[in-house]
Structures are given as structure tokens and as C-alpha cells.
Amino acid sequence: MPNTDDSRDPRVFLAVERTFLAWIRTGLALMGFGFVVARFGLFLRELASLRVTSSAELSGLSVPIGTALIVIGVAVNILASINHVRFIKKINEGLPIVGRPSALALAVALVLAAAGLAMAIYLGSHEIR
């Protein structure tokens, strides 16, 4: 068996690059979704002012929630960039990259799960007339 240096294998660099690009897509999706959530609340207020919709209670939570999602998306992109540079430095220095759970992935998953749970509780507790 030939002894190969994994740090010089281009597949390792390409895998790190694909992972980084996946995180960038995730951050962009969060920012886009946050923008849609924030603008949808404004759209509902405009419809209510024209009396096109029923007199359902409108909540002013869409702008703060949308803004929070945009901020989370920005944070994901910044943290992904930092993580990518750290991995590339380790590869270039020939240090072993030990497989471990991604702290960034776990943090994003937990924050989004908490946000989803909060939205579900909110929607379940407010009756639409």
C-alpha cells in the first residue's frame, strides 16, 4: 500500500471547499427567509389597512423575527468563513483533522429548532378569527 499524504490530496481541499460553500448557502437562505418574513408582516398590515382581510389580530413580530433570521444568517456566514480558514491552515500545516461534530452545525440547528418551537407555540396560542 502506498503511503499517501492526505494533506496534499486535492480531494481534501475540495471537500473543505464544498462544506464551506454549503454553509454559505445556508447563511444566504436564512437571510432570504428573514427578509421574506419581515416583508410579509408589512404586506399583512397593508392588506388590513385596505380592509381586504378580516379583522384578524396582526402581530408586530414579523419584523423582529425576520431581522433575527437575517442576523443569524450573517453570523453563520462569518463563522463558516472563520472555520474554513482554520481548516485550510490545518491542512496546509499537515496537522491531522480529527473527525468531530461541527459546533457551528449544532448551534445553528439548536437555534433554529428553538425558533421553530417558539413560532409553533405562538401560532398555537393565538387564534385567527
Protein backbone atom coordinates (compact mmCIF):
# COMPACT_ATOMS: atom_id res chain seq x y z
CA MET A 1 0.00 0.00 0.00
CA PRO A 2 1.43 3.37 -0.91
CA ASN A 3 1.71 5.87 1.89
CA THR A 4 -0.28 8.92 0.80
CA ASP A 5 -0.22 12.32 2.43
CA ASP A 6 -3.87 13.28 2.96
CA SER A 7 -2.94 16.93 3.39
CA ARG A 8 -1.74 17.09 -0.23
CA ASP A 9 -4.69 15.19 -1.69
CA PRO A 10 -6.78 17.68 -3.70
CA ARG A 11 -9.94 15.83 -2.71
CA VAL A 12 -9.45 17.00 0.88
CA PHE A 13 -9.25 20.64 -0.21
CA LEU A 14 -12.27 20.20 -2.47
CA ALA A 15 -14.28 18.59 0.34
CA VAL A 16 -13.45 21.50 2.66
CA GLU A 17 -14.44 23.93 -0.10
CA ARG A 18 -17.78 22.13 -0.69
CA THR A 19 -18.54 22.24 3.01
CA PHE A 20 -17.75 25.95 3.14
CA LEU A 21 -20.00 26.65 0.15
CA ALA A 22 -22.81 24.65 1.77
CA TRP A 23 -22.54 26.85 4.86
CA ILE A 24 -22.63 29.97 2.67
CA ARG A 25 -25.82 28.68 1.02
CA THR A 26 -27.31 28.06 4.45
CA GLY A 27 -26.49 31.59 5.59
CA LEU A 28 -27.93 33.09 2.40
CA ALA A 29 -31.10 31.02 2.76
CA LEU A 30 -31.54 32.25 6.33
CA MET A 31 -31.06 35.86 5.26
CA GLY A 32 -33.53 35.45 2.38
CA PHE A 33 -36.10 33.78 4.60
CA GLY A 34 -35.67 36.52 7.21
CA PHE A 35 -36.30 39.17 4.57
CA VAL A 36 -39.47 37.38 3.42
CA VAL A 37 -40.76 37.03 6.99
CA ALA A 38 -40.14 40.72 7.72
CA ARG A 39 -41.79 41.89 4.48
CA PHE A 40 -44.76 39.54 4.86
CA GLY A 41 -45.75 41.30 8.09
CA LEU A 42 -45.73 44.64 6.27
CA PHE A 43 -47.82 43.10 3.49
CA LEU A 44 -50.40 41.88 6.01
CA ARG A 45 -50.57 45.35 7.60
CA GLU A 46 -51.18 46.92 4.19
CA LEU A 47 -53.98 44.45 3.48
CA ALA A 48 -55.54 45.17 6.86
CA SER A 49 -55.40 48.92 6.24
CA LEU A 50 -57.27 48.42 2.96
CA ARG A 51 -59.81 46.24 4.81
CA VAL A 52 -59.28 43.44 2.30
CA THR A 53 -58.70 40.93 5.06
CA SER A 54 -60.80 40.02 8.05
CA SER A 55 -60.17 41.72 11.35
CA ALA A 56 -57.70 39.10 12.48
CA GLU A 57 -55.24 40.27 15.08
CA LEU A 58 -51.98 41.31 13.49
CA SER A 59 -48.81 40.91 15.45
CA GLY A 60 -45.77 43.11 15.06
CA LEU A 61 -43.43 40.14 15.48
CA SER A 62 -42.65 39.56 11.82
CA VAL A 63 -40.08 42.36 11.55
CA PRO A 64 -38.12 41.36 14.70
CA ILE A 65 -38.23 37.67 13.76
CA GLY A 66 -37.19 38.43 10.18
CA THR A 67 -34.37 40.65 11.40
CA ALA A 68 -33.22 37.94 13.81
CA LEU A 69 -33.12 35.41 10.96
CA ILE A 70 -31.06 37.82 8.85
CA VAL A 71 -28.62 38.33 11.74
CA ILE A 72 -28.37 34.55 12.26
CA GLY A 73 -27.63 34.15 8.53
CA VAL A 74 -24.87 36.77 8.71
CA ALA A 75 -23.41 35.07 11.81
CA VAL A 76 -23.46 31.69 10.03
CA ASN A 77 -21.53 33.16 7.08
CA ILE A 78 -18.94 34.80 9.36
CA LEU A 79 -18.46 31.67 11.48
CA ALA A 80 -18.28 29.48 8.36
CA SER A 81 -15.54 31.71 6.96
CA ILE A 82 -13.55 31.52 10.20
CA ASN A 83 -13.99 27.74 10.34
CA HIS A 84 -12.94 27.38 6.68
CA VAL A 85 -9.74 29.39 7.17
CA ARG A 86 -8.92 27.33 10.27
CA PHE A 87 -9.33 24.04 8.38
CA ILE A 88 -7.24 25.23 5.43
CA LYS A 89 -4.45 26.29 7.81
CA LYS A 90 -4.51 22.87 9.48
CA ILE A 91 -4.37 21.12 6.11
CA ASN A 92 -1.51 23.32 4.88
CA GLU A 93 0.46 22.73 8.09
CA GLY A 94 -0.03 18.98 7.72
CA LEU A 95 -1.90 18.71 11.04
CA PRO A 96 -4.41 15.90 11.35
CA ILE A 97 -8.03 16.90 11.13
CA VAL A 98 -9.83 14.72 13.60
CA GLY A 99 -13.45 13.95 12.83
CA ARG A 100 -15.70 15.66 15.33
CA PRO A 101 -19.20 17.10 15.36
CA SER A 102 -19.45 20.57 13.90
CA ALA A 103 -20.10 23.08 16.67
CA LEU A 104 -21.45 25.53 14.09
CA ALA A 105 -23.94 22.99 12.73
CA LEU A 106 -25.12 22.06 16.20
CA ALA A 107 -25.52 25.71 17.23
CA VAL A 108 -27.47 26.61 14.09
CA ALA A 109 -29.67 23.53 14.45
CA LEU A 110 -30.46 24.28 18.10
CA VAL A 111 -31.17 27.99 17.49
CA LEU A 112 -33.44 27.20 14.55
CA ALA A 113 -35.18 24.43 16.48
CA ALA A 114 -35.83 26.85 19.36
CA ALA A 115 -37.11 29.49 16.93
CA GLY A 116 -39.39 26.94 15.25
CA LEU A 117 -40.72 25.76 18.59
CA ALA A 118 -41.36 29.35 19.68
CA MET A 119 -43.23 30.08 16.44
CA ALA A 120 -45.28 26.90 16.78
CA ILE A 121 -46.24 27.79 20.36
CA TYR A 122 -47.09 31.34 19.31
CA LEU A 123 -49.22 30.20 16.38
CA GLY A 124 -50.94 27.59 18.53
CA SER A 125 -51.77 30.07 21.27
CA HIS A 126 -53.17 32.82 19.01
CA GLU A 127 -56.47 32.08 17.41
CA ILE A 128 -57.11 33.53 13.95
CA ARG A 129 -60.70 34.76 13.55
